[in-house]
Protein backbone atom coordinates (compact mmCIF):
# COMPACT_ATOMS: atom_id res chain seq x y z
CA MET A 1 0.00 0.00 0.00
CA ASN A 2 1.49 3.30 -1.15
CA ASN A 3 0.42 6.74 -0.03
CA GLU A 4 1.33 9.51 -2.46
CA SER A 5 0.61 13.24 -2.17
CA PHE A 6 0.51 16.15 -4.62
CA GLY A 7 -0.04 19.89 -4.47
CA LEU A 8 -2.04 21.43 -7.32
CA LEU A 9 -3.26 24.88 -8.37
CA GLU A 10 -6.88 25.76 -8.93
CA GLY A 11 -7.88 25.39 -12.55
CA ASP A 12 -5.19 22.85 -13.39
CA ALA A 13 -5.80 19.32 -14.65
CA PHE A 14 -4.09 16.27 -13.25
CA TYR A 15 -3.89 12.61 -14.19
CA PHE A 16 -2.86 10.21 -11.46
CA SER A 17 -1.85 6.58 -11.86
CA PRO A 18 -0.67 4.69 -8.77
CA ILE A 19 2.98 3.87 -8.91
CA SER A 20 2.31 0.23 -8.06
CA VAL A 21 -0.05 -0.19 -11.02
CA ASN A 22 2.03 -1.34 -13.92
CA ASN A 23 -0.76 -1.05 -16.50
CA PRO A 24 -3.23 1.81 -15.92
CA ASP A 25 -5.36 0.60 -18.92
CA LEU A 26 -6.79 -2.33 -17.01
CA PRO A 27 -10.57 -2.80 -17.12
CA ASP A 28 -12.60 -0.34 -15.10
CA GLU A 29 -14.22 -3.29 -13.30
CA ASP A 30 -10.93 -4.08 -11.57
CA PHE A 31 -10.92 -0.71 -9.74
CA THR A 32 -13.17 1.15 -7.39
CA TRP A 33 -12.27 4.75 -6.57
CA TYR A 34 -13.71 6.82 -3.77
CA LYS A 35 -12.96 9.87 -1.70
CA ASN A 36 -12.92 9.18 2.02
CA ASN A 37 -11.82 12.48 3.47
CA PRO A 38 -13.25 14.87 4.52
CA GLN A 39 -16.38 12.88 3.63
CA PHE A 40 -16.95 9.61 1.85
CA GLU A 41 -17.78 9.96 -1.85
CA ASN A 42 -17.81 7.45 -4.70
CA ILE A 43 -16.06 8.33 -7.92
CA THR A 44 -17.53 7.18 -11.21
CA THR A 45 -16.19 6.66 -14.71
CA GLU A 46 -18.51 9.25 -16.21
CA GLU A 47 -16.33 11.70 -18.15
CA GLU A 48 -18.77 14.58 -17.65
CA ASN A 49 -17.65 14.74 -14.03
CA PRO A 50 -14.49 16.80 -13.26
CA ILE A 51 -13.21 13.85 -11.25
CA HIS A 52 -13.54 10.40 -12.77
CA TYR A 53 -11.43 7.35 -13.47
CA HIS A 54 -10.61 4.94 -16.22
CA GLY A 55 -9.02 1.73 -15.04
CA GLY A 56 -6.17 2.56 -12.71
CA GLY A 57 -6.00 6.25 -13.75
CA LEU A 58 -7.76 9.02 -11.86
CA PHE A 59 -8.59 12.29 -13.69
CA PHE A 60 -8.82 15.71 -12.03
CA LEU A 61 -10.13 18.26 -14.58
CA ASN A 62 -10.31 21.97 -13.71
CA ILE A 63 -9.66 21.14 -10.11
CA SER A 64 -10.91 23.39 -7.31
CA SER A 65 -10.16 23.78 -3.62
CA ALA A 66 -13.20 21.62 -2.81
CA ASP A 67 -11.44 18.69 -4.44
CA SER A 68 -8.72 18.58 -1.80
CA GLY A 69 -8.77 15.35 0.18
CA HIS A 70 -7.69 11.76 0.48
CA TYR A 71 -8.53 9.36 -2.37
CA THR A 72 -8.37 5.56 -2.33
CA ALA A 73 -8.49 2.95 -5.08
CA GLN A 74 -9.42 -0.67 -4.40
CA GLN A 75 -7.98 -2.99 -7.00
CA THR A 76 -9.21 -6.56 -7.43
CA MET A 77 -6.32 -8.77 -8.37
CA PRO A 78 -6.69 -11.83 -10.70
CA SER A 79 -6.18 -14.00 -7.65
CA GLY A 80 -9.25 -12.47 -6.03
CA ASN A 81 -7.29 -10.49 -3.45
CA CYS A 82 -7.72 -6.75 -3.04
CA GLN A 83 -5.00 -4.11 -3.09
CA LEU A 84 -5.46 -0.53 -1.93
CA HIS A 85 -3.85 2.57 -3.45
CA HIS A 86 -3.91 5.97 -1.74
CA VAL A 87 -3.26 9.53 -2.84
CA THR A 88 -3.66 12.88 -1.05
CA ILE A 89 -4.48 15.96 -3.11
CA THR A 90 -4.02 19.53 -1.80
CA VAL A 91 -5.35 22.35 -3.97
CA TYR A 92 -3.98 25.90 -3.65
CA ASN A 93 -5.23 29.10 -5.16
CA THR A 94 -3.18 30.70 -7.93
CA SER A 95 -1.63 33.28 -5.58
CA SER A 96 0.09 30.47 -3.65
CA ARG A 97 2.12 29.12 -6.54
CA GLY A 98 5.17 28.87 -4.28
CA GLN A 99 3.41 26.17 -2.27
CA THR A 100 3.33 23.80 -5.23
CA THR A 101 7.06 23.71 -5.98
CA TYR A 102 8.59 20.26 -6.21
CA GLY A 103 11.93 20.73 -4.55
CA ARG A 104 14.72 23.24 -5.00
CA ASN A 105 17.42 23.20 -7.60
CA GLN A 106 20.20 24.41 -5.36
CA ASN A 107 23.87 23.75 -6.06
CA SER A 108 27.09 25.57 -6.90
CA GLN A 109 27.41 24.29 -10.44
CA LEU A 110 27.85 26.98 -13.05
CA ASN A 111 25.38 25.42 -15.52
CA LYS A 112 21.94 24.42 -14.24
CA MET A 113 19.54 21.73 -15.42
CA LEU A 114 15.82 22.07 -14.61
CA ILE A 115 13.65 18.95 -14.97
CA CYS A 116 9.89 19.18 -15.23
CA PRO A 117 8.35 17.74 -12.01
CA THR A 118 6.79 14.30 -12.22
CA PRO A 119 3.06 15.25 -12.08
CA ALA A 120 3.26 17.48 -15.15
CA GLN A 121 5.85 15.40 -16.98
CA GLN A 122 3.99 12.11 -16.50
CA THR A 123 0.69 13.62 -17.66
CA CYS A 124 2.33 15.22 -20.67
CA GLU A 125 4.06 12.03 -21.72
CA THR A 126 0.90 9.95 -21.25
CA PHE A 127 -1.26 12.22 -23.44
CA SER A 128 1.50 13.48 -25.79
CA GLY A 129 1.17 17.04 -24.62
CA ILE A 130 3.31 20.10 -25.33
CA PHE A 131 5.75 21.50 -22.77
CA THR A 132 6.03 25.21 -22.03
CA TRP A 133 8.30 26.89 -19.47
CA TYR A 134 7.64 30.02 -17.41
CA LYS A 135 9.88 31.98 -15.07
CA ASP A 136 7.96 33.86 -12.41
CA ARG A 137 4.87 33.69 -14.68
CA SER A 138 6.80 35.07 -17.67
CA LEU A 139 6.88 32.88 -20.77
CA LEU A 140 10.30 31.59 -21.82
CA GLN A 141 10.41 31.50 -25.58
CA GLY A 142 11.63 28.39 -27.35
CA GLU A 143 11.54 26.07 -24.33
CA HIS A 144 9.38 23.01 -25.15
CA GLU A 145 11.29 20.12 -23.62
CA PRO A 146 10.83 18.39 -20.25
CA LYS A 147 14.36 19.55 -19.38
CA MET A 148 15.67 23.09 -19.57
CA ARG A 149 19.36 23.98 -19.39
CA ILE A 150 20.60 27.32 -18.03
CA ASN A 151 24.21 28.06 -18.91
CA GLU A 152 26.36 30.21 -16.62
CA ALA A 153 23.51 30.83 -14.20
CA SER A 154 23.72 34.00 -12.11
CA LYS A 155 21.75 35.53 -9.28
CA ALA A 156 19.57 37.35 -11.79
CA GLN A 157 18.25 33.98 -13.00
CA GLU A 158 17.02 32.85 -9.61
CA GLY A 159 13.27 32.35 -9.27
CA ILE A 160 10.36 29.93 -9.66
CA TYR A 161 10.35 28.04 -12.94
CA THR A 162 7.05 26.44 -13.95
CA CYS A 163 6.73 23.58 -16.40
CA MET A 164 3.29 23.57 -18.04
CA CYS A 165 1.93 20.77 -20.17
CA THR A 166 -0.99 21.31 -22.55
CA TRP A 167 -2.76 18.05 -23.32
CA THR A 168 -6.05 16.87 -24.79
CA HIS A 169 -8.72 14.64 -23.27
CA ASN A 170 -12.06 13.97 -24.94
CA HIS A 171 -11.26 16.64 -27.53
CA ARG A 172 -10.71 19.28 -24.86
CA GLU A 173 -7.44 20.93 -23.87
CA TYR A 174 -6.23 20.98 -20.30
CA ASN A 175 -3.16 22.36 -18.55
CA SER A 176 -1.05 20.62 -15.96
CA SER A 177 1.70 22.58 -14.24
CA ALA A 178 4.39 22.02 -11.65
CA SER A 179 7.18 24.33 -10.47
CA ARG A 180 10.73 24.24 -9.18
CA HIS A 181 12.61 26.90 -7.27
CA LEU A 182 16.03 27.73 -8.74
CA ILE A 183 18.64 29.03 -6.29
CA VAL A 184 22.03 30.02 -7.65
CA LEU A 185 24.83 29.50 -5.17
CA GLU A 186 28.24 31.06 -5.39
CA PRO A 187 30.94 28.75 -6.78
CA ILE A 188 32.42 26.52 -4.08
CA HIS A 189 36.12 25.77 -4.04
CA HIS A 190 37.52 23.61 -1.25
CA ARG A 191 41.19 24.03 -0.37
CA ASP A 192 43.60 22.55 2.12
CA VAL A 193 43.22 24.17 5.51
CA GLN A 194 45.75 26.92 6.22
CA ILE A 195 46.45 28.08 9.79
CA LEU A 196 46.69 31.88 9.62
CA SER A 197 47.05 32.48 13.34
CA PRO A 198 48.65 31.96 15.79
CA VAL A 199 51.93 32.67 14.01
CA ASN A 200 54.42 32.05 16.84
CA ASN A 201 54.65 28.84 18.85
CA GLU A 202 55.52 30.81 21.99
CA GLN A 203 53.62 33.83 23.28
CA PHE A 204 54.52 35.97 26.29
CA PHE A 205 52.01 37.31 28.80
CA ASP A 206 51.83 38.64 32.35
CA GLU A 207 50.31 36.35 34.94
CA GLY A 208 47.01 37.39 36.49
CA TYR A 209 45.50 39.02 33.41
CA SER A 210 42.70 37.93 31.07
CA ILE A 211 44.07 37.15 27.61
CA LYS A 212 42.67 36.01 24.27
CA LEU A 213 44.18 33.49 21.86
CA ASN A 214 42.93 33.81 18.30
CA GLY A 215 43.05 30.84 15.96
CA SER A 216 42.13 31.69 12.34
CA ILE A 217 42.00 29.30 9.40
CA PHE A 218 41.38 29.60 5.66
CA CYS A 219 39.41 26.84 3.91
CA GLY A 220 38.55 28.06 0.39
CA ASN A 221 35.70 29.89 -1.34
CA ASN A 222 32.11 29.76 -0.05
CA VAL A 223 32.76 26.76 2.18
CA ALA A 224 31.35 28.04 5.46
CA HIS A 225 29.51 24.74 6.00
CA SER A 226 32.79 22.78 6.00
CA CYS A 227 35.26 25.12 7.71
CA GLU A 228 35.72 25.00 11.48
CA ALA A 229 38.44 26.12 13.89
CA PHE A 230 38.62 25.18 17.57
CA TRP A 231 41.06 25.06 20.52
CA LYS A 232 42.23 22.14 22.63
CA ILE A 233 44.20 22.18 25.88
CA ASN A 234 46.47 19.20 26.39
CA GLU A 235 44.47 17.38 23.68
CA LYS A 236 41.20 18.00 25.54
CA ASN A 237 38.25 20.01 24.31
CA VAL A 238 37.92 23.35 26.11
CA THR A 239 34.12 23.15 26.27
CA GLY A 240 33.06 23.11 29.91
CA MET A 241 36.52 23.86 31.33
CA ASP A 242 36.59 26.41 34.16
CA GLY A 243 38.51 29.57 33.38
CA TYR A 244 38.25 29.13 29.60
CA HIS A 245 35.66 30.41 27.13
CA GLN A 246 35.67 29.78 23.37
CA THR A 247 33.76 31.65 20.67
CA ILE A 248 33.71 30.65 16.99
CA SER A 249 32.84 32.90 14.03
CA THR A 250 32.78 32.35 10.25
CA GLU A 251 33.26 35.04 7.63
CA ASN A 252 32.91 35.04 3.83
CA GLU A 253 35.04 37.91 2.60
CA ASN A 254 33.69 40.11 -0.20
CA PRO A 255 34.19 40.18 -3.10
CA SER A 256 36.67 37.28 -3.10
CA LYS A 257 34.24 35.01 -1.16
CA TYR A 258 37.16 33.57 0.81
CA THR A 259 35.96 31.66 3.87
CA TYR A 260 37.68 32.27 7.19
CA ASN A 261 36.85 30.69 10.53
CA THR A 262 38.15 32.12 13.81
CA ALA A 263 38.12 30.50 17.24
CA THR A 264 38.82 32.93 20.10
CA LEU A 265 39.86 31.41 23.44
CA THR A 266 39.55 33.68 26.48
CA ILE A 267 41.79 32.66 29.40
CA GLU A 268 41.97 33.90 32.97
CA LEU A 269 45.74 33.46 33.05
CA SER A 270 47.25 31.56 35.97
CA ALA A 271 50.59 29.90 36.71
CA GLN A 272 49.23 26.53 35.55
CA ASP A 273 48.54 27.86 32.05
CA PHE A 274 52.29 28.25 31.49
CA GLN A 275 52.54 24.46 31.77
CA HIS A 276 49.73 23.66 29.32
CA VAL A 277 49.97 23.04 25.57
CA PHE A 278 47.33 24.92 23.57
CA LYS A 279 46.43 23.46 20.20
CA CYS A 280 44.59 25.36 17.46
CA SER A 281 42.94 22.88 15.07
CA GLY A 282 41.22 23.54 11.75
CA GLU A 283 39.03 21.14 9.81
CA GLY A 284 38.11 21.54 6.15
CA TYR A 285 36.29 19.45 3.58
CA TYR A 286 39.29 17.30 2.66
CA LYS A 287 42.02 17.83 5.24
CA SER A 288 42.70 19.21 8.69
CA ALA A 289 45.64 21.10 10.22
CA PHE A 290 46.79 22.26 13.65
CA LYS A 291 49.37 24.42 15.42
CA THR A 292 50.50 24.27 19.04
CA VAL A 293 51.16 27.25 21.30
CA THR A 294 52.84 27.46 24.69
CA LEU A 295 52.55 30.45 27.00
CA LYS A 296 55.59 32.05 28.61
CA ALA A 297 55.76 34.51 31.51
CA ARG A 298 56.97 37.91 30.32
CA GLU A 299 60.19 39.03 32.02
CA SER A 300 60.17 42.24 34.05
CA ALA A 301 61.35 45.39 32.29
CA ILE A 302 62.85 46.92 35.46
CA PRO A 303 66.38 45.42 35.00
CA LEU A 304 66.44 46.67 31.42
CA VAL A 305 65.43 50.18 32.50
CA ILE A 306 68.07 50.22 35.22
CA GLY A 307 70.72 49.07 32.75
CA CYS A 308 69.77 51.78 30.25
CA VAL A 309 69.90 54.46 32.98
CA CYS A 310 73.33 53.26 34.07
CA VAL A 311 74.66 53.32 30.51
CA LEU A 312 73.25 56.81 30.00
CA PHE A 313 74.80 58.04 33.25
CA ALA A 314 78.19 56.55 32.34
CA SER A 315 78.03 58.17 28.88
CA VAL A 316 77.28 61.58 30.38
CA CYS A 317 80.11 61.25 32.89
CA THR A 318 82.53 60.22 30.14
CA ALA A 319 81.50 63.18 28.00
CA VAL A 320 82.00 65.59 30.91
CA LEU A 321 85.44 64.14 31.70
CA ILE A 322 86.55 64.39 28.08
CA LYS A 323 85.28 67.97 27.86
CA CYS A 324 87.05 69.10 31.03
CA PHE A 325 90.28 67.12 30.70
CA ALA A 326 90.70 66.87 26.94
CA ILE A 327 94.24 68.32 26.97
CA ASP A 328 95.38 66.16 29.88
CA LEU A 329 94.07 63.05 28.21
CA THR A 330 95.66 64.03 24.93
CA LEU A 331 99.05 64.57 26.54
CA PHE A 332 98.71 61.32 28.48
CA PHE A 333 98.06 59.26 25.36
CA ARG A 334 100.49 61.24 23.18
CA PRO A 335 103.35 58.70 23.50
CA PHE A 336 101.06 55.86 22.40
CA PHE A 337 99.50 57.67 19.43
CA PRO A 338 102.07 59.89 17.68
CA LEU A 339 100.61 62.49 15.39
CA SER A 340 102.75 61.51 12.44
CA ARG A 341 105.48 59.10 11.55
CA ASN A 342 106.81 61.45 8.90
CA LYS A 343 110.04 63.00 10.24
CA GLY A 344 109.95 65.69 7.57
CA LYS A 345 106.65 67.03 8.84
CA GLU A 346 107.94 66.93 12.42
CA LYS A 347 110.99 69.00 11.43
CA LYS A 348 108.70 71.54 9.74
CA ARG A 349 106.64 71.89 12.91
CA CYS A 350 109.79 72.45 14.99
CA TYR A 351 111.14 74.90 12.41
CA TYR A 352 108.03 77.05 12.55
CA LEU A 353 108.01 76.99 16.31
CA GLN A 354 111.66 78.13 16.36
CA LYS A 355 110.76 81.00 14.05
CA LEU A 356 107.88 81.83 16.34
CA PHE A 357 110.16 82.10 19.38
CA SER A 358 112.71 84.03 17.36
CA PHE A 359 110.04 86.66 16.74
CA HIS A 360 109.23 86.55 20.42
CA GLN A 361 112.88 87.26 21.42
CA LYS A 362 113.18 90.20 18.99
CA ILE A 363 109.98 91.75 20.17
CA ARG A 364 110.95 91.38 23.80
CA ASP A 365 114.56 92.67 23.41
CA LYS A 366 113.96 95.57 20.99
CA PRO A 367 110.29 96.41 20.82
CA GLN A 368 111.08 100.04 19.92
CA LYS A 369 112.45 99.01 16.49
CA LEU A 370 109.15 97.50 15.41
CA THR A 371 106.75 99.94 13.91
CA ARG A 372 103.08 99.26 13.46
CA LYS A 373 103.56 98.72 9.74
CA ARG A 374 106.43 96.34 10.24
CA MET A 375 104.44 94.38 12.83
CA ASN A 376 101.62 93.93 10.35
CA VAL A 377 104.08 92.73 7.68
CA ILE A 378 105.61 90.25 10.14
CA GLY A 379 102.12 89.08 11.07
CA VAL A 380 101.22 88.47 7.43
CA LEU A 381 104.43 86.52 6.85
CA LEU A 382 103.80 84.54 10.01
CA ILE A 383 100.31 83.61 8.85
CA ALA A 384 101.70 82.51 5.50
CA SER A 385 104.31 80.33 7.18
CA LEU A 386 101.78 78.72 9.51
CA LYS A 387 99.17 78.17 6.81
CA LYS A 388 100.61 74.77 5.84
CA ILE A 389 100.27 73.47 9.39
CA ILE A 390 96.99 75.00 10.48
CA LYS A 391 94.38 73.31 8.29
CA THR A 392 91.28 72.70 10.32
CA TYR A 393 91.66 75.88 12.37
CA THR A 394 91.01 78.80 10.00
CA HIS A 395 93.80 81.32 9.43
CA GLY A 396 91.20 84.10 9.72
CA HIS A 397 91.34 83.52 13.45
CA LEU A 398 95.06 84.30 13.41
CA PHE A 399 94.57 87.38 11.29
CA ARG A 400 91.99 88.77 13.70
CA SER A 401 94.44 88.11 16.53
CA ILE A 402 97.13 90.17 14.77
CA LEU A 403 94.82 93.13 14.26
CA LEU A 404 93.52 93.10 17.83
CA VAL A 405 96.65 92.21 19.82
CA SER A 406 99.48 94.73 19.99
CA ASP A 407 101.59 92.64 22.32
CA TRP A 408 103.59 90.25 20.13
CA THR A 409 104.44 88.15 23.14
CA SER A 410 100.77 87.16 23.65
CA LEU A 411 100.44 86.71 19.90
CA ALA A 412 103.37 84.28 19.88
CA PHE A 413 101.99 82.25 22.75
CA ARG A 414 98.48 82.27 21.30
CA THR A 415 99.77 81.13 17.91
CA ALA A 416 101.68 78.32 19.60
CA LEU A 417 98.50 77.21 21.35
CA ILE A 418 96.55 77.35 18.07
CA LEU A 419 99.29 75.34 16.40
CA CYS A 420 98.82 72.68 19.03
CA GLY A 421 95.06 72.60 18.28
CA ILE A 422 94.15 73.88 21.74
CA GLU A 423 91.31 76.34 21.99
CA SER A 424 91.04 76.51 25.77
CA THR A 425 93.08 74.98 28.59
CA ARG A 426 93.35 75.32 32.30
CA TYR A 427 96.37 77.64 31.63
CA TRP A 428 94.66 80.01 29.21
CA LYS A 429 91.51 82.06 29.67
CA HIS A 430 89.80 83.83 26.79
CA SER A 431 90.59 87.34 28.04
CA LEU A 432 93.38 89.21 26.22
CA GLU A 433 95.08 90.30 29.44
CA SER A 434 95.66 86.74 30.65
CA LEU A 435 97.38 85.85 27.37
CA VAL A 436 100.22 88.21 28.20
CA HIS A 437 100.90 86.29 31.43
CA VAL A 438 100.44 82.81 30.06
CA ASP A 439 102.44 80.13 31.84
CA MET A 440 105.29 78.66 29.77
CA THR A 441 104.27 75.22 31.05
CA ALA A 442 101.38 75.41 28.56
CA LEU A 443 103.82 76.08 25.76
CA ARG A 444 105.99 73.14 26.76
CA SER A 445 102.85 71.00 26.76
CA CYS A 446 102.10 72.18 23.26
CA CYS A 447 105.61 71.35 22.12
CA ARG A 448 105.29 67.92 23.65
CA PHE A 449 101.93 67.55 21.87
CA VAL A 450 103.39 68.33 18.42
CA GLY A 451 106.42 66.17 19.10
CA CYS A 452 109.11 68.85 19.00
CA THR A 453 111.64 68.16 21.76
CA SER A 454 114.03 70.92 20.74
CA MET A 455 111.35 73.56 21.27
CA MET A 456 110.74 72.22 24.77
CA LEU A 457 114.30 73.24 25.60
CA ILE A 458 113.77 76.68 24.08
CA SER A 459 110.55 77.20 26.01
CA HIS A 460 112.25 76.01 29.19
CA SER A 461 115.07 78.52 28.76
CA THR A 462 112.59 81.29 28.02
CA THR A 463 110.75 80.52 31.21
CA SER A 464 113.98 80.67 33.17
CA GLN A 465 114.80 84.09 31.68
CA ARG A 466 111.43 85.42 32.64
């Protein structure tokens, strides 16, 4: 005993033959049809009635909502036994066409194939009818086959497609229709699971804080139904564990339609968590992947700060010492780092220093013989002679000294200091008056700095004379 059911629209025609009846053209005497719900009613073979039967086939012509109900056929077999066949008919008005669809055509294939539903197709094939297709009640030209192919289907082609069969019975035309709902899905492309995060196997945190571990995976295009990420702790599911909470979210990125799944694990961090192994797992359609993470306690930044402060303090102290004792340090390291290994250059330095002290002796012994003009000429010649030695210290500084200083003794000492590359020492202040009384120890230091031992003797004798 089979129980079949169909949904029909008002005004349609329908021919039903039980699936278990191999030959619907059996004699009418072998069948008895009746309607037993909502009230009992015999069905005759008279073709003037909208509902009648011929053998094992039951006709519904211009069906109405009053024809809804449960129908039964009693078949008398050649052996004398009886067999029952049942069918339930539900009639909808024309505004409820969506209620009569026979399944959805829903897949991710680019090309779609729509097949006329069985009620309309079977009727049309039995009575050699003509197929016609409609989309949302709009006629589709040129479609007269029980199957309709839609190439490169897009969202614009979604809708309800109705297959209508026009057939003839007793020289009258009737229509039987059935619909399918076409849903166009985005193309699906499954890929091997890729773990996007976490990136590092070790992560550093401070104990006592609430932290979040994010595990993100990539599975392909439009594969949200087969893409899942989740966390495990020591190979155990985190669901129901105290101190841990997991949330999972899926995202289809636009316009690429890439599918990402993210599992976020919230942890109230304790000392025990630094001993656990956290495992982020991802499952796709074909394969799965995982990545393990261990938590490490973050080291305190206080020792680093103290070290930086100490280095900074030492650098400042070193800079101050070099600034205040530059000459002393230079003289101390002078024997280890000679200025030049070229003896010719050393002789030139000593030669110019001897000339300098020669000028100093003449000025001191016979200052009355030097006129202002002659002093300027001597100054110019002195600048020219010192020009080869003084490179980094501009000769304009010397020239200004000549114009401003009338005492050639201070000029000689100042030039000697400039020659040594000394701009200020503990022996020499910037005031002009102190230059006249400069200590000859400074000059001997300069001579020692430039490597001229003979001038040290000259400066020593000059100091003794003074």
